[in-house]
Amino acid sequence: MKKLAVIIILAAVFLPCTLTAKDKNFGLGIILGEPTGISLKKWFVGTTAIDCAVAWAFGRENSFHLHADYLIHKINLFNVESGTLPLYYGIGIRFKAEQKTRLGIRIPVGLCYIFEDAPIDIFLELGPILDIAPDMSFSFTGSIGARYYF
């Protein structure tokens, strides 16, 4: 099951896609909170993206954490003076290697500020998780982060 989760996440990150109108649509940065690690984001045409994290979770048990989410952004929901502040939501998978390896479904919701004059975004996210293997359980992740786009 670990191999399947890794294959799914890698496929989501490296799937070929049509470029958006923006020149810079691949972001790499950090995610802080639960979990803490590296954040990746790949924008697709329009308002959709794939977001991934390779991280360490410091909850009850220290554990390795991977997730990949398909996100939809509501770009014009909030008016800001410069840049954009989309609300986003989506669905994805989470793999957590701890004493009992877990595989679950994530339903992330967050805000992402995209700077107007710099290839940077900052974000705040809550991620409800329904673990489906090895048994059913419900939990949350929460984090802040930033990414640089190239």
Protein backbone atom coordinates (compact mmCIF):
# COMPACT_ATOMS: atom_id res chain seq x y z
CA MET A 1 0.00 0.00 0.00
CA LYS A 2 2.93 2.38 0.68
CA LYS A 3 4.19 1.91 -2.88
CA LEU A 4 0.74 2.66 -4.34
CA ALA A 5 0.46 5.91 -2.35
CA VAL A 6 3.93 7.07 -3.47
CA ILE A 7 3.14 6.25 -7.13
CA ILE A 8 -0.15 8.18 -6.99
CA ILE A 9 1.50 11.23 -5.45
CA LEU A 10 4.40 11.27 -7.90
CA ALA A 11 2.01 10.88 -10.85
CA ALA A 12 -0.07 13.82 -9.61
CA VAL A 13 3.00 16.05 -9.31
CA PHE A 14 4.54 15.20 -12.66
CA LEU A 15 1.48 14.78 -14.89
CA PRO A 16 1.86 16.79 -18.11
CA CYS A 17 -0.54 19.72 -18.33
CA THR A 18 -1.40 22.76 -20.40
CA LEU A 19 0.32 25.93 -19.21
CA THR A 20 -1.78 28.70 -17.72
CA ALA A 21 -1.63 32.29 -18.89
CA LYS A 22 0.92 32.91 -16.16
CA ASP A 23 4.55 32.24 -17.04
CA LYS A 24 5.28 30.82 -13.61
CA ASN A 25 2.96 27.97 -12.64
CA PHE A 26 5.11 25.62 -10.49
CA GLY A 27 5.69 26.59 -6.87
CA LEU A 28 8.11 25.17 -4.32
CA GLY A 29 8.20 26.22 -0.69
CA ILE A 30 7.65 25.32 2.93
CA ILE A 31 4.67 24.24 4.98
CA LEU A 32 4.70 24.83 8.76
CA GLY A 33 2.37 23.32 11.30
CA GLU A 34 0.97 19.83 11.25
CA PRO A 35 2.71 18.67 9.05
CA THR A 36 5.98 20.63 8.55
CA GLY A 37 8.05 20.17 5.39
CA ILE A 38 8.20 20.93 1.67
CA SER A 39 5.20 22.19 -0.28
CA LEU A 40 4.73 21.89 -4.06
CA LYS A 41 1.99 23.40 -6.22
CA LYS A 42 1.34 23.01 -9.93
CA TRP A 43 -1.28 25.28 -11.52
CA PHE A 44 -3.37 24.02 -14.42
CA VAL A 45 -5.53 25.97 -16.85
CA GLY A 46 -7.90 28.36 -15.11
CA THR A 47 -8.38 28.07 -11.37
CA THR A 48 -7.31 24.48 -10.65
CA ALA A 49 -4.08 23.14 -9.22
CA ILE A 50 -2.42 20.11 -7.66
CA ASP A 51 -0.87 20.73 -4.25
CA CYS A 52 1.50 18.26 -2.54
CA ALA A 53 3.54 18.09 0.63
CA VAL A 54 6.43 15.92 1.70
CA ALA A 55 6.64 16.51 5.41
CA TRP A 56 7.01 15.37 8.98
CA ALA A 57 4.04 15.25 11.34
CA PHE A 58 4.75 15.92 15.02
CA GLY A 59 1.38 14.83 16.51
CA ARG A 60 0.93 11.89 18.88
CA GLU A 61 3.68 10.01 17.05
CA ASN A 62 6.40 11.54 14.94
CA SER A 63 5.70 10.36 11.39
CA PHE A 64 6.47 10.84 7.73
CA HIS A 65 3.59 12.52 5.87
CA LEU A 66 2.74 12.79 2.15
CA HIS A 67 -0.34 14.34 0.63
CA ALA A 68 -1.58 15.32 -2.83
CA ASP A 69 -4.73 17.37 -3.42
CA TYR A 70 -6.71 18.55 -6.43
CA LEU A 71 -7.70 22.17 -5.67
CA ILE A 72 -10.28 24.60 -7.05
CA HIS A 73 -9.71 28.31 -6.39
CA LYS A 74 -12.44 30.97 -6.10
CA ILE A 75 -10.35 33.89 -7.36
CA ASN A 76 -12.77 36.85 -7.12
CA LEU A 77 -14.43 35.99 -3.81
CA PHE A 78 -12.40 38.57 -1.80
CA ASN A 79 -11.32 41.99 -3.08
CA VAL A 80 -7.83 43.09 -2.04
CA GLU A 81 -5.90 46.24 -2.96
CA SER A 82 -3.14 44.38 -4.81
CA GLY A 83 -2.54 40.74 -5.65
CA THR A 84 -5.28 38.15 -5.27
CA LEU A 85 -6.71 36.28 -2.30
CA PRO A 86 -8.51 33.16 -3.49
CA LEU A 87 -10.37 30.77 -1.24
CA TYR A 88 -9.59 27.20 -2.26
CA TYR A 89 -10.97 23.77 -1.53
CA GLY A 90 -10.42 20.32 -2.90
CA ILE A 91 -10.00 16.64 -2.38
CA GLY A 92 -6.92 14.47 -2.12
CA ILE A 93 -5.08 11.65 -0.44
CA ARG A 94 -2.83 11.48 2.59
CA PHE A 95 -0.24 8.84 3.46
CA LYS A 96 1.19 8.82 6.98
CA ALA A 97 3.94 6.42 8.02
CA GLU A 98 3.78 6.01 11.77
CA GLN A 99 3.56 2.97 14.01
CA LYS A 100 0.29 2.16 12.22
CA THR A 101 0.69 3.32 8.60
CA ARG A 102 -2.39 5.27 7.53
CA LEU A 103 -4.00 6.12 4.19
CA GLY A 104 -6.79 8.66 4.09
CA ILE A 105 -8.86 11.14 2.13
CA ARG A 106 -8.18 14.88 2.64
CA ILE A 107 -10.64 17.71 2.06
CA PRO A 108 -8.43 20.82 2.32
CA VAL A 109 -9.83 24.35 2.63
CA GLY A 110 -7.66 27.44 2.70
CA LEU A 111 -6.77 30.97 1.73
CA CYS A 112 -3.85 31.77 -0.55
CA TYR A 113 -2.49 35.30 -1.06
CA ILE A 114 -0.78 35.63 -4.46
CA PHE A 115 1.47 38.67 -4.68
CA GLU A 116 0.96 40.94 -7.69
CA ASP A 117 4.60 41.90 -8.31
CA ALA A 118 6.46 38.83 -7.03
CA PRO A 119 6.32 35.11 -7.91
CA ILE A 120 5.37 34.22 -4.33
CA ASP A 121 2.26 33.05 -2.51
CA ILE A 122 1.49 32.55 1.17
CA PHE A 123 -1.27 30.29 2.44
CA LEU A 124 -3.27 29.16 5.45
CA GLU A 125 -4.94 25.74 5.28
CA LEU A 126 -7.11 23.36 7.28
CA GLY A 127 -7.23 19.76 6.14
CA PRO A 128 -9.92 17.44 7.51
CA ILE A 129 -8.82 13.82 6.98
CA LEU A 130 -10.84 10.62 6.93
CA ASP A 131 -8.38 7.75 7.31
CA ILE A 132 -9.65 4.63 5.55
CA ALA A 133 -6.79 2.21 6.18
CA PRO A 134 -5.87 0.35 8.33
CA ASP A 135 -9.04 1.49 10.12
CA MET A 136 -11.48 4.41 9.97
CA SER A 137 -10.64 7.53 11.94
CA PHE A 138 -11.07 11.29 11.56
CA SER A 139 -8.45 13.99 12.14
CA PHE A 140 -7.34 17.46 11.04
CA THR A 141 -4.16 19.05 9.79
CA GLY A 142 -3.49 22.76 9.89
CA SER A 143 -0.65 24.75 8.41
CA ILE A 144 0.70 27.98 7.01
CA GLY A 145 3.28 28.23 4.27
CA ALA A 146 4.86 30.07 1.37
CA ARG A 147 5.97 29.09 -2.13
CA TYR A 148 8.22 30.61 -4.78
CA TYR A 149 7.05 30.12 -8.39
CA PHE A 150 9.27 29.44 -11.38
